C-alpha atoms as a PDB file:
ATOM      1  CA  MET A   1     -14.703 -14.981   4.785  1.00  0.00           C
ATOM      2  CA  GLN A   2     -13.057 -13.498   1.336  1.00  0.00           C
ATOM      3  CA  LYS A   3     -11.393 -10.034   2.077  1.00  0.00           C
ATOM      4  CA  TYR A   4      -9.220  -8.206  -0.577  1.00  0.00           C
ATOM      5  CA  GLY A   5      -8.538  -4.677  -2.040  1.00  0.00           C
ATOM      6  CA  LYS A   6      -5.724  -2.654  -1.137  1.00  0.00           C
ATOM      7  CA  THR A   7      -2.985  -4.150  -0.023  1.00  0.00           C
ATOM      8  CA  LEU A   8       4.089   9.204   6.986  1.00  0.00           C
ATOM      9  CA  LYS A   9       7.990  17.234   8.820  1.00  0.00           C
ATOM     10  CA  HIS A  10       9.217  18.923  10.595  1.00  0.00           C
ATOM     11  CA  GLY A  11      11.461  21.697   9.544  1.00  0.00           C
ATOM     12  CA  ARG A  12      14.342  20.389  11.362  1.00  0.00           C
ATOM     13  CA  PHE A  13      13.542  16.395   9.620  1.00  0.00           C
ATOM     14  CA  PHE A  14      17.578  15.993   8.198  1.00  0.00           C
ATOM     15  CA  PRO A  15      19.278  14.572   9.535  1.00  0.00           C
ATOM     16  CA  ILE A  16      17.598  14.561  12.954  1.00  0.00           C
ATOM     17  CA  PHE A  17      15.278  11.470  12.901  1.00  0.00           C
ATOM     18  CA  PHE A  18      12.412  10.876  15.509  1.00  0.00           C
ATOM     19  CA  ASN A  19      11.504   7.503  16.756  1.00  0.00           C
ATOM     20  CA  PHE A  20       8.089   8.171  17.129  1.00  0.00           C
ATOM     21  CA  ALA A  21       5.240   8.404  14.503  1.00  0.00           C
ATOM     22  CA  LEU A  22       4.373  12.287  13.708  1.00  0.00           C
ATOM     23  CA  LYS A  23       0.580  12.504  13.304  1.00  0.00           C
ATOM     24  CA  PHE A  24      -0.326  15.626  10.309  1.00  0.00           C
ATOM     25  CA  ASN A  25      -3.877  14.378  10.197  1.00  0.00           C
ATOM     26  CA  GLU A  26      -5.798  12.913  13.689  1.00  0.00           C
ATOM     27  CA  SER A  27      -9.072  13.025  11.467  1.00  0.00           C
ATOM     28  CA  MET A  28      -8.855   9.729   9.218  1.00  0.00           C
ATOM     29  CA  ARG A  29     -11.818   7.708   9.536  1.00  0.00           C
ATOM     30  CA  TYR A  30     -13.540   5.321   7.399  1.00  0.00           C
ATOM     31  CA  TYR A  31     -17.349   4.377   6.291  1.00  0.00           C
ATOM     32  CA  GLU A  32     -18.189   1.244   6.289  1.00  0.00           C
ATOM     33  CA  VAL A  33     -20.581   0.602   3.410  1.00  0.00           C
ATOM     34  CA  GLU A  34     -22.404  -2.997   3.132  1.00  0.00           C
ATOM     35  CA  PHE A  35     -24.182  -3.878  -0.106  1.00  0.00           C
ATOM     36  CA  ALA A  36     -26.857  -6.375  -0.647  1.00  0.00           C
ATOM     37  CA  VAL A  37     -26.950  -7.480  -3.644  1.00  0.00           C
ATOM     38  CA  PHE A  38     -30.575  -9.760  -4.617  1.00  0.00           C
ATOM     39  CA  THR A  39     -30.138 -11.345  -7.892  1.00  0.00           C
ATOM     40  CA  GLN A  40     -29.929 -15.210  -8.546  1.00  0.00           C
ATOM     41  CA  LYS A  41     -27.271 -17.417  -6.232  1.00  0.00           C
ATOM     42  CA  GLU A  42     -25.251 -18.616  -9.229  1.00  0.00           C
ATOM     43  CA  THR A  43     -24.155 -14.625 -10.369  1.00  0.00           C
ATOM     44  CA  LEU A  44     -24.422 -12.776  -6.490  1.00  0.00           C
ATOM     45  CA  GLN A  45     -19.991 -13.783  -6.979  1.00  0.00           C
ATOM     46  CA  ASP A  46     -20.306 -12.060 -10.695  1.00  0.00           C
ATOM     47  CA  VAL A  47     -22.078  -9.089  -8.835  1.00  0.00           C
ATOM     48  CA  ARG A  48     -19.613  -8.364  -5.843  1.00  0.00           C
ATOM     49  CA  ASP A  49     -17.145  -8.362  -8.106  1.00  0.00           C
ATOM     50  CA  VAL A  50     -18.272  -5.714 -10.900  1.00  0.00           C
ATOM     51  CA  VAL A  51     -19.421  -3.665  -7.269  1.00  0.00           C
ATOM     52  CA  ALA A  52     -15.899  -3.837  -5.855  1.00  0.00           C
ATOM     53  CA  ALA A  53     -14.128  -2.982  -9.202  1.00  0.00           C
ATOM     54  CA  LEU A  54     -17.170  -0.155  -9.843  1.00  0.00           C
ATOM     55  CA  ALA A  55     -16.882   0.873  -5.865  1.00  0.00           C
ATOM     56  CA  GLY A  56     -13.044   0.602  -6.782  1.00  0.00           C
ATOM     57  CA  GLU A  57     -13.027   3.522  -8.999  1.00  0.00           C
ATOM     58  CA  ALA A  58     -15.436   5.304  -6.672  1.00  0.00           C
ATOM     59  CA  GLY A  59     -12.474   5.451  -4.128  1.00  0.00           C
ATOM     60  CA  PHE A  60     -12.845   2.582  -1.642  1.00  0.00           C
ATOM     61  CA  GLU A  61     -10.100   1.006  -0.739  1.00  0.00           C
ATOM     62  CA  SER A  62     -11.049  -2.412   0.383  1.00  0.00           C
ATOM     63  CA  PHE A  63     -13.899  -5.167   0.679  1.00  0.00           C
ATOM     64  CA  GLU A  64     -14.600  -8.091   1.721  1.00  0.00           C
ATOM     65  CA  ASP A  65     -17.605 -10.628   1.287  1.00  0.00           C
ATOM     66  CA  THR A  66     -21.023 -11.150   3.464  1.00  0.00           C
ATOM     67  CA  ASP A  67     -23.547 -14.030   3.319  1.00  0.00           C
ATOM     68  CA  ASP A  68     -25.934 -11.629   0.766  1.00  0.00           C
ATOM     69  CA  GLY A  69     -23.225  -9.165  -0.728  1.00  0.00           C
ATOM     70  CA  LEU A  70     -20.037  -7.103   0.766  1.00  0.00           C
ATOM     71  CA  LYS A  71     -18.815  -4.545   2.474  1.00  0.00           C
ATOM     72  CA  GLY A  72     -16.768  -1.916   1.302  1.00  0.00           C
ATOM     73  CA  TYR A  73     -14.459   0.639   2.985  1.00  0.00           C
ATOM     74  CA  VAL A  74     -14.001   3.889   2.089  1.00  0.00           C
ATOM     75  CA  GLN A  75     -12.319   7.386   3.880  1.00  0.00           C
ATOM     76  CA  GLN A  76     -14.617   9.523   5.067  1.00  0.00           C
ATOM     77  CA  ALA A  77     -13.097  12.528   3.581  1.00  0.00           C
ATOM     78  CA  LEU A  78     -13.616  10.795   0.399  1.00  0.00           C
ATOM     79  CA  PHE A  79     -16.856   9.398   0.538  1.00  0.00           C
ATOM     80  CA  ASP A  80     -19.082  10.659  -2.553  1.00  0.00           C
ATOM     81  CA  GLU A  81     -22.890   9.379  -2.220  1.00  0.00           C
ATOM     82  CA  ALA A  82     -23.850  10.594  -5.817  1.00  0.00           C
ATOM     83  CA  SER A  83     -21.078   8.936  -7.416  1.00  0.00           C
ATOM     84  CA  LEU A  84     -22.060   5.896  -5.821  1.00  0.00           C
ATOM     85  CA  LYS A  85     -25.499   6.020  -6.627  1.00  0.00           C
ATOM     86  CA  GLU A  86     -24.576   6.572 -10.264  1.00  0.00           C
ATOM     87  CA  MET A  87     -22.469   3.601 -10.446  1.00  0.00           C
ATOM     88  CA  LEU A  88     -25.203   1.529  -8.524  1.00  0.00           C
ATOM     89  CA  ASP A  89     -27.645   2.759 -11.461  1.00  0.00           C
ATOM     90  CA  ALA A  90     -25.242   1.781 -13.976  1.00  0.00           C
ATOM     91  CA  LEU A  91     -25.108  -1.801 -12.754  1.00  0.00           C
ATOM     92  CA  PRO A  92     -24.813  -3.790 -16.155  1.00  0.00           C
ATOM     93  CA  PHE A  93     -26.853  -6.916 -14.915  1.00  0.00           C
ATOM     94  CA  SER A  94     -30.416  -6.466 -15.697  1.00  0.00           C
ATOM     95  CA  ASP A  95     -32.141  -8.924 -13.022  1.00  0.00           C
ATOM     96  CA  ALA A  96     -29.737  -7.977 -10.167  1.00  0.00           C
ATOM     97  CA  THR A  97     -30.149  -4.802  -8.031  1.00  0.00           C
ATOM     98  CA  VAL A  98     -27.637  -3.455  -4.978  1.00  0.00           C
ATOM     99  CA  SER A  99     -28.668  -1.427  -1.942  1.00  0.00           C
ATOM    100  CA  TYR A 100     -26.768   0.011   0.395  1.00  0.00           C
ATOM    101  CA  THR A 101     -26.357   1.385   4.172  1.00  0.00           C
ATOM    102  CA  VAL A 102     -23.408   3.409   5.209  1.00  0.00           C
ATOM    103  CA  ALA A 103     -22.186   3.375   9.006  1.00  0.00           C
ATOM    104  CA  GLU A 104     -19.037   4.716  10.447  1.00  0.00           C
ATOM    105  CA  ALA A 105     -16.626   1.971  10.960  1.00  0.00           C
ATOM    106  CA  GLU A 106     -14.988   1.205  13.896  1.00  0.00           C
ATOM    107  CA  ASN A 107     -11.429   2.272  15.112  1.00  0.00           C
ATOM    108  CA  ARG A 108      -9.901  -0.939  15.930  1.00  0.00           C
ATOM    109  CA  ASP A 109      -7.562  -3.228  14.245  1.00  0.00           C
ATOM    110  CA  TRP A 110      -9.564  -4.904  11.654  1.00  0.00           C
ATOM    111  CA  ASN A 111      -7.145  -8.465  11.443  1.00  0.00           C
ATOM    112  CA  GLU A 112      -7.112  -8.904  14.723  1.00  0.00           C
ATOM    113  CA  GLN A 113      -7.144 -13.025  14.213  1.00  0.00           C
ATOM    114  CA  TRP A 114      -4.114 -12.563  11.390  1.00  0.00           C
ATOM    115  CA  GLU A 115      -1.935 -10.539  14.249  1.00  0.00           C
ATOM    116  CA  GLN A 116      -2.668 -13.395  16.792  1.00  0.00           C
ATOM    117  CA  GLU A 117      -1.768 -16.156  14.216  1.00  0.00           C
ATOM    118  CA  GLY A 118       0.929 -14.901  12.299  1.00  0.00           C
ATOM    119  CA  PHE A 119       2.102 -15.913   8.992  1.00  0.00           C
ATOM    120  CA  GLU A 120       4.096 -18.886   7.098  1.00  0.00           C
ATOM    121  CA  PRO A 121       7.520 -17.082   6.483  1.00  0.00           C
ATOM    122  CA  VAL A 122       7.817 -15.919   2.783  1.00  0.00           C
ATOM    123  CA  TYR A 123      10.911 -16.903   0.608  1.00  0.00           C
ATOM    124  CA  VAL A 124      11.422 -13.818  -2.158  1.00  0.00           C
ATOM    125  CA  GLY A 125      13.855 -14.588  -4.766  1.00  0.00           C
ATOM    126  CA  GLU A 126      17.411 -16.525  -3.389  1.00  0.00           C
ATOM    127  CA  HIS A 127      18.261 -14.127  -0.942  1.00  0.00           C
ATOM    128  CA  LEU A 128      15.035 -12.447   1.119  1.00  0.00           C
ATOM    129  CA  ILE A 129      12.694 -14.120   4.109  1.00  0.00           C
ATOM    130  CA  ILE A 130       9.794 -12.078   5.839  1.00  0.00           C
ATOM    131  CA  HIS A 131       8.884 -14.049   8.562  1.00  0.00           C
ATOM    132  CA  ASP A 132       7.386 -12.943  11.591  1.00  0.00           C
ATOM    133  CA  GLY A 133       7.937 -13.717  15.343  1.00  0.00           C
ATOM    134  CA  ARG A 134       6.863 -16.973  15.940  1.00  0.00           C
ATOM    135  CA  HIS A 135       7.906 -18.603  12.745  1.00  0.00           C
ATOM    136  CA  VAL A 136      11.477 -18.239  12.554  1.00  0.00           C
ATOM    137  CA  PRO A 137      13.049 -19.966   9.962  1.00  0.00           C
ATOM    138  CA  HIS A 138      16.659 -21.215   9.113  1.00  0.00           C
ATOM    139  CA  PRO A 139      18.557 -18.966   6.627  1.00  0.00           C
ATOM    140  CA  THR A 140      22.014 -19.452   4.871  1.00  0.00           C
ATOM    141  CA  PRO A 141      24.572 -17.029   5.557  1.00  0.00           C
ATOM    142  CA  ALA A 142      23.317 -15.474   1.735  1.00  0.00           C
ATOM    143  CA  GLN A 143      19.866 -14.804   3.219  1.00  0.00           C
ATOM    144  CA  LEU A 144      17.873 -11.233   4.620  1.00  0.00           C
ATOM    145  CA  LEU A 145      16.108 -11.834   7.221  1.00  0.00           C
ATOM    146  CA  VAL A 146      13.414  -9.127   7.655  1.00  0.00           C
ATOM    147  CA  GLU A 147      10.892  -9.763  10.388  1.00  0.00           C
ATOM    148  CA  VAL A 148       7.528  -8.312  11.014  1.00  0.00           C
ATOM    149  CA  ASN A 149       5.120  -8.731  13.342  1.00  0.00           C
ATOM    150  CA  THR A 150       1.741  -7.457  11.564  1.00  0.00           C
ATOM    151  CA  ARG A 151      -1.169  -5.876  12.640  1.00  0.00           C
ATOM    152  CA  MET A 152      -2.708  -6.287   8.917  1.00  0.00           C
ATOM    153  CA  ALA A 153      -2.130  -9.046   6.368  1.00  0.00           C
ATOM    154  CA  PHE A 154      -0.671  -6.603   3.687  1.00  0.00           C
ATOM    155  CA  GLY A 155       2.538  -5.928   3.781  1.00  0.00           C
ATOM    156  CA  THR A 156       4.305  -9.757   5.095  1.00  0.00           C
ATOM    157  CA  GLY A 157       5.259 -10.447   1.198  1.00  0.00           C
ATOM    158  CA  ASN A 158       2.344 -13.069   0.935  1.00  0.00           C
ATOM    159  CA  HIS A 159       0.979 -10.761  -1.768  1.00  0.00           C
ATOM    160  CA  GLU A 160       2.369 -10.824  -5.398  1.00  0.00           C
ATOM    161  CA  THR A 161       2.877  -6.993  -5.439  1.00  0.00           C
ATOM    162  CA  THR A 162       4.558  -6.805  -2.062  1.00  0.00           C
ATOM    163  CA  ARG A 163       7.004  -9.560  -3.139  1.00  0.00           C
ATOM    164  CA  LEU A 164       7.508  -7.548  -6.825  1.00  0.00           C
ATOM    165  CA  MET A 165       8.214  -4.748  -4.798  1.00  0.00           C
ATOM    166  CA  ALA A 166      10.564  -6.082  -2.479  1.00  0.00           C
ATOM    167  CA  GLU A 167      12.289  -7.982  -4.854  1.00  0.00           C
ATOM    168  CA  ALA A 168      13.072  -4.780  -6.894  1.00  0.00           C
ATOM    169  CA  LEU A 169      14.631  -3.506  -3.797  1.00  0.00           C
ATOM    170  CA  MET A 170      16.631  -6.361  -3.192  1.00  0.00           C
ATOM    171  CA  GLN A 171      18.509  -6.111  -6.470  1.00  0.00           C
ATOM    172  CA  ARG A 172      19.448  -2.179  -6.277  1.00  0.00           C
ATOM    173  CA  ASP A 173      22.589  -0.848  -5.009  1.00  0.00           C
ATOM    174  CA  LEU A 174      20.611   1.104  -1.769  1.00  0.00           C
ATOM    175  CA  LYS A 175      24.163   2.338   0.172  1.00  0.00           C
ATOM    176  CA  ARG A 176      23.263   5.615   1.851  1.00  0.00           C
ATOM    177  CA  LEU A 177      20.374   6.457  -0.135  1.00  0.00           C
ATOM    178  CA  HIS A 178      17.106   8.082   0.863  1.00  0.00           C
ATOM    179  CA  VAL A 179      14.074   6.621   0.606  1.00  0.00           C
ATOM    180  CA  LEU A 180      10.419   7.566   0.740  1.00  0.00           C
ATOM    181  CA  ASP A 181       7.970   4.569   0.893  1.00  0.00           C
ATOM    182  CA  CYS A 182       4.138   5.661   0.260  1.00  0.00           C
ATOM    183  CA  GLY A 183       1.549   3.585   1.897  1.00  0.00           C
ATOM    184  CA  THR A 184       4.142   2.255   4.040  1.00  0.00           C
ATOM    185  CA  GLY A 185       1.546  -0.616   5.571  1.00  0.00           C
ATOM    186  CA  THR A 186       4.219  -2.271   7.933  1.00  0.00           C
ATOM    187  CA  GLY A 187       6.941  -1.083   6.759  1.00  0.00           C
ATOM    188  CA  VAL A 188       8.357  -3.878   5.498  1.00  0.00           C
ATOM    189  CA  LEU A 189       9.909  -2.291   1.758  1.00  0.00           C
ATOM    190  CA  ALA A 190      11.276   0.552   3.841  1.00  0.00           C
ATOM    191  CA  ILE A 191      12.992  -1.621   6.305  1.00  0.00           C
ATOM    192  CA  ILE A 192      14.445  -4.117   3.861  1.00  0.00           C
ATOM    193  CA  ALA A 193      16.113  -0.599   2.278  1.00  0.00           C
ATOM    194  CA  LEU A 194      17.439   0.203   5.396  1.00  0.00           C
ATOM    195  CA  LEU A 195      18.898  -3.417   5.951  1.00  0.00           C
ATOM    196  CA  ARG A 196      20.577  -2.828   2.581  1.00  0.00           C
ATOM    197  CA  GLY A 197      22.430   0.137   3.126  1.00  0.00           C
ATOM    198  CA  ALA A 198      19.942   2.675   2.697  1.00  0.00           C
ATOM    199  CA  GLY A 199      20.895   6.134   5.120  1.00  0.00           C
ATOM    200  CA  GLN A 200      17.286   6.896   5.629  1.00  0.00           C
ATOM    201  CA  ALA A 201      13.917   6.647   5.308  1.00  0.00           C
ATOM    202  CA  VAL A 202      10.458   7.892   5.500  1.00  0.00           C
ATOM    203  CA  GLY A 203       7.301   6.037   5.382  1.00  0.00           C
ATOM    204  CA  TYR A 204       3.588   7.284   5.435  1.00  0.00           C
ATOM    205  CA  ASP A 205       0.193   5.736   6.045  1.00  0.00           C
ATOM    206  CA  ILE A 206      -3.497   6.586   6.041  1.00  0.00           C
ATOM    207  CA  ASP A 207      -3.995   4.160   8.508  1.00  0.00           C
ATOM    208  CA  GLU A 208      -2.731   4.472  12.620  1.00  0.00           C
ATOM    209  CA  TRP A 209      -2.352   1.277  12.711  1.00  0.00           C
ATOM    210  CA  SER A 210      -0.130   1.062  10.084  1.00  0.00           C
ATOM    211  CA  VAL A 211       2.010   4.036  11.086  1.00  0.00           C
ATOM    212  CA  ASP A 212       2.580   2.429  14.977  1.00  0.00           C
ATOM    213  CA  ASN A 213       2.869  -1.180  13.453  1.00  0.00           C
ATOM    214  CA  ALA A 214       6.038   0.405  10.869  1.00  0.00           C
ATOM    215  CA  HIS A 215       7.813   2.020  13.815  1.00  0.00           C
ATOM    216  CA  HIS A 216       7.424  -1.509  15.832  1.00  0.00           C
ATOM    217  CA  ASN A 217       8.705  -3.383  13.447  1.00  0.00           C
ATOM    218  CA  ALA A 218      11.504  -0.980  12.631  1.00  0.00           C
ATOM    219  CA  VAL A 219      12.097  -1.599  15.903  1.00  0.00           C
ATOM    220  CA  ILE A 220      12.666  -4.813  15.946  1.00  0.00           C
ATOM    221  CA  ASN A 221      14.985  -4.908  13.181  1.00  0.00           C
ATOM    222  CA  GLY A 222      17.212  -2.815  14.368  1.00  0.00           C
ATOM    223  CA  VAL A 223      16.931   0.607  12.087  1.00  0.00           C
ATOM    224  CA  ASP A 224      14.215   2.425  14.071  1.00  0.00           C
ATOM    225  CA  ASP A 225      17.538   5.340  14.485  1.00  0.00           C
ATOM    226  CA  ARG A 226      17.059   5.486  10.347  1.00  0.00           C
ATOM    227  CA  PHE A 227      13.202   5.015  10.092  1.00  0.00           C
ATOM    228  CA  MET A 228      10.277   7.604  10.778  1.00  0.00           C
ATOM    229  CA  SER A 229       6.893   6.659  10.319  1.00  0.00           C
ATOM    230  CA  VAL A 230       4.267   9.544   9.857  1.00  0.00           C
ATOM    231  CA  LEU A 231       0.265   9.635   9.613  1.00  0.00           C
ATOM    232  CA  GLY A 232      -1.197  10.802   6.545  1.00  0.00           C
ATOM    233  CA  ASP A 233      -2.271  11.013   2.598  1.00  0.00           C
ATOM    234  CA  SER A 234       0.350  11.931   0.054  1.00  0.00           C
ATOM    235  CA  THR A 235       0.313  15.926   1.026  1.00  0.00           C
ATOM    236  CA  VAL A 236       2.234  14.931   3.726  1.00  0.00           C
ATOM    237  CA  ILE A 237       5.459  14.662   1.245  1.00  0.00           C
ATOM    238  CA  GLY A 238       5.598  18.097   0.399  1.00  0.00           C
ATOM    239  CA  LYS A 239       5.889  18.987   4.598  1.00  0.00           C
ATOM    240  CA  LEU A 240       9.107  16.656   4.757  1.00  0.00           C
ATOM    241  CA  GLY A 241      11.392  19.195   2.453  1.00  0.00           C
ATOM    242  CA  ARG A 242      13.555  16.612   1.540  1.00  0.00           C
ATOM    243  CA  LYS A 243      13.976  14.894  -2.450  1.00  0.00           C
ATOM    244  CA  PHE A 244      14.608  11.115  -2.176  1.00  0.00           C
ATOM    245  CA  ASP A 245      16.598   8.956  -4.165  1.00  0.00           C
ATOM    246  CA  VAL A 246      14.092   6.492  -4.260  1.00  0.00           C
ATOM    247  CA  VAL A 247      10.448   6.353  -4.044  1.00  0.00           C
ATOM    248  CA  VAL A 248       8.232   3.484  -3.572  1.00  0.00           C
ATOM    249  CA  ALA A 249       4.669   2.767  -3.544  1.00  0.00           C
ATOM    250  CA  ASN A 250       2.564   0.279  -3.540  1.00  0.00           C
ATOM    251  CA  ILE A 251      -0.884   1.032  -3.358  1.00  0.00           C
ATOM    252  CA  ASN A 252      -3.890   0.900  -5.817  1.00  0.00           C
ATOM    253  CA  ARG A 253      -4.050   1.998  -9.448  1.00  0.00           C
ATOM    254  CA  ASN A 254      -6.214   5.074  -8.662  1.00  0.00           C
ATOM    255  CA  ILE A 255      -4.217   6.632  -5.386  1.00  0.00           C
ATOM    256  CA  LEU A 256      -1.492   5.951  -7.972  1.00  0.00           C
ATOM    257  CA  LEU A 257      -2.375   8.273 -10.525  1.00  0.00           C
ATOM    258  CA  ALA A 258      -3.457  10.723  -8.057  1.00  0.00           C
ATOM    259  CA  ASP A 259      -0.863  10.887  -6.197  1.00  0.00           C
ATOM    260  CA  MET A 260       2.009  10.399  -8.627  1.00  0.00           C
ATOM    261  CA  PRO A 261       2.525  14.406  -9.220  1.00  0.00           C
ATOM    262  CA  ARG A 262       3.795  14.453  -5.604  1.00  0.00           C
ATOM    263  CA  MET A 263       5.802  11.730  -5.983  1.00  0.00           C
ATOM    264  CA  ARG A 264       7.675  13.240  -8.390  1.00  0.00           C
ATOM    265  CA  ASP A 265       7.838  16.124  -6.806  1.00  0.00           C
ATOM    266  CA  ALA A 266       9.758  14.280  -3.826  1.00  0.00           C
ATOM    267  CA  MET A 267      12.219  12.790  -6.123  1.00  0.00           C
ATOM    268  CA  LYS A 268      15.885  13.637  -7.156  1.00  0.00           C
ATOM    269  CA  PRO A 269      16.914  14.356 -10.534  1.00  0.00           C
ATOM    270  CA  GLU A 270      18.827  10.411 -10.784  1.00  0.00           C
ATOM    271  CA  ALA A 271      15.849   9.175  -8.764  1.00  0.00           C
ATOM    272  CA  SER A 272      13.552   5.772  -9.161  1.00  0.00           C
ATOM    273  CA  LEU A 273      10.199   5.441  -9.072  1.00  0.00           C
ATOM    274  CA  LEU A 274       9.219   2.160  -8.083  1.00  0.00           C
ATOM    275  CA  LEU A 275       5.371   1.198  -8.631  1.00  0.00           C
ATOM    276  CA  SER A 276       3.056  -1.629  -7.680  1.00  0.00           C
ATOM    277  CA  GLY A 277      -0.245  -2.179  -6.138  1.00  0.00           C
ATOM    278  CA  PHE A 278      -1.602  -2.407  -9.965  1.00  0.00           C
ATOM    279  CA  TYR A 279      -2.937  -5.001 -12.641  1.00  0.00           C
ATOM    280  CA  VAL A 280      -0.642  -5.621 -16.146  1.00  0.00           C
ATOM    281  CA  GLU A 281      -4.049  -4.534 -17.839  1.00  0.00           C
ATOM    282  CA  ASP A 282      -3.837  -0.888 -15.717  1.00  0.00           C
ATOM    283  CA  ILE A 283      -0.032  -0.355 -17.022  1.00  0.00           C
ATOM    284  CA  PRO A 284      -0.871   1.826 -20.276  1.00  0.00           C
ATOM    285  CA  LEU A 285      -2.680   4.366 -17.532  1.00  0.00           C
ATOM    286  CA  LEU A 286       0.131   4.808 -15.250  1.00  0.00           C
ATOM    287  CA  SER A 287       2.735   5.054 -18.378  1.00  0.00           C
ATOM    288  CA  ALA A 288       0.652   7.372 -19.764  1.00  0.00           C
ATOM    289  CA  LYS A 289       0.637   9.818 -16.328  1.00  0.00           C
ATOM    290  CA  ALA A 290       4.343   9.467 -15.841  1.00  0.00           C
ATOM    291  CA  GLU A 291       5.276  10.878 -19.666  1.00  0.00           C
ATOM    292  CA  GLU A 292       2.540  13.524 -18.711  1.00  0.00           C
ATOM    293  CA  LEU A 293       5.153  14.264 -15.238  1.00  0.00           C
ATOM    294  CA  GLY A 294       8.255  13.184 -17.816  1.00  0.00           C
ATOM    295  CA  MET A 295       9.323  10.197 -16.557  1.00  0.00           C
ATOM    296  CA  SER A 296       9.877   7.197 -18.718  1.00  0.00           C
ATOM    297  CA  MET A 297       9.153   3.596 -17.466  1.00  0.00           C
ATOM    298  CA  GLU A 298      12.685   1.260 -16.807  1.00  0.00           C
ATOM    299  CA  TRP A 299      11.314  -2.006 -16.840  1.00  0.00           C
ATOM    300  CA  GLN A 300       8.107  -3.810 -16.028  1.00  0.00           C
ATOM    301  CA  LYS A 301       7.942  -6.881 -14.151  1.00  0.00           C
ATOM    302  CA  ASN A 302       4.735  -8.853 -13.694  1.00  0.00           C
ATOM    303  CA  GLU A 303       3.744 -11.886 -11.132  1.00  0.00           C
ATOM    304  CA  GLY A 304       0.426 -13.531 -12.370  1.00  0.00           C
ATOM    305  CA  GLU A 305      -1.735 -10.395 -13.204  1.00  0.00           C
ATOM    306  CA  TRP A 306       0.158  -8.318 -10.943  1.00  0.00           C
ATOM    307  CA  ALA A 307       2.514  -5.889 -11.931  1.00  0.00           C
ATOM    308  CA  CYS A 308       5.466  -3.457 -10.958  1.00  0.00           C
ATOM    309  CA  LEU A 309       7.170  -0.976 -12.894  1.00  0.00           C
ATOM    310  CA  GLU A 310      10.705   1.704 -12.271  1.00  0.00           C
ATOM    311  CA  LEU A 311      10.210   4.667 -13.821  1.00  0.00           C
ATOM    312  CA  LYS A 312      12.846   7.584 -13.835  1.00  0.00           C
ATOM    313  CA  LEU A 313      13.101  11.464 -14.781  1.00  0.00           C
ATOM    314  CA  LYS A 314      13.914  12.312 -17.992  1.00  0.00           C
ATOM    315  CA  ASP A 315      17.165  13.812 -18.989  1.00  0.00           C
END
């Protein structure tokens, strides 16, 4: 079955670190919306793709195919049923109709099979290997090993955007820098930064599984004394009361556009903002948003249809 989609303060936070996940918001719950597609067999996948694209514009975060359509997942607090109905009414297929049902998504590990089976080592460039505890590679002295025992399929390096972000971090001098990882997932990007000498890192995520998993991965890589994972969305950035040298965000385009003002407010004057999680065709929108926020694009790199950008504050 195909699955696709996207892929956390404390008044005395620095220099004191807490080796557990702070929970600013324990009410993050999702709806599971099942879309039934009525169309010819040969156009079913096309309709699925369009529904997923349009629902993604309406705030849905991930999807999986079903026999006669697809399921989508959206935060309950962000679910706008009026927009969803308007989107379906505008579906650009004359011979297709789509109906849907809404149910509360079960709060569990959605990738249990992935967690049990693990993944083969992922080689990022010449100097980084991301692996799990079941598949241990044999590195050269020049290669950095990052162990990720994952509870989710996104954040292992298998996806192009994770590799792009990891490679960008590997190419930077991070010694003693403070890093903010927005949508931390498995914590892999923050952990790479810490293993390469970053002084401290904070990662936040809306998914409780991810927050706990990121902390676990920090422990097994020996960097938990410098890492803190927090449950919540981008509103937690303002509660950290701290500026960062590097802000990384591997999230989908719509969330990036909405959250970039908060990310920008968390940046020191010479800080960098590294972004991925979007397609090459989305670069103009993100570049325009950066310009609006007083940032300029330093460079971009693509892998296939996926892109990675570095933004800097203008002088």
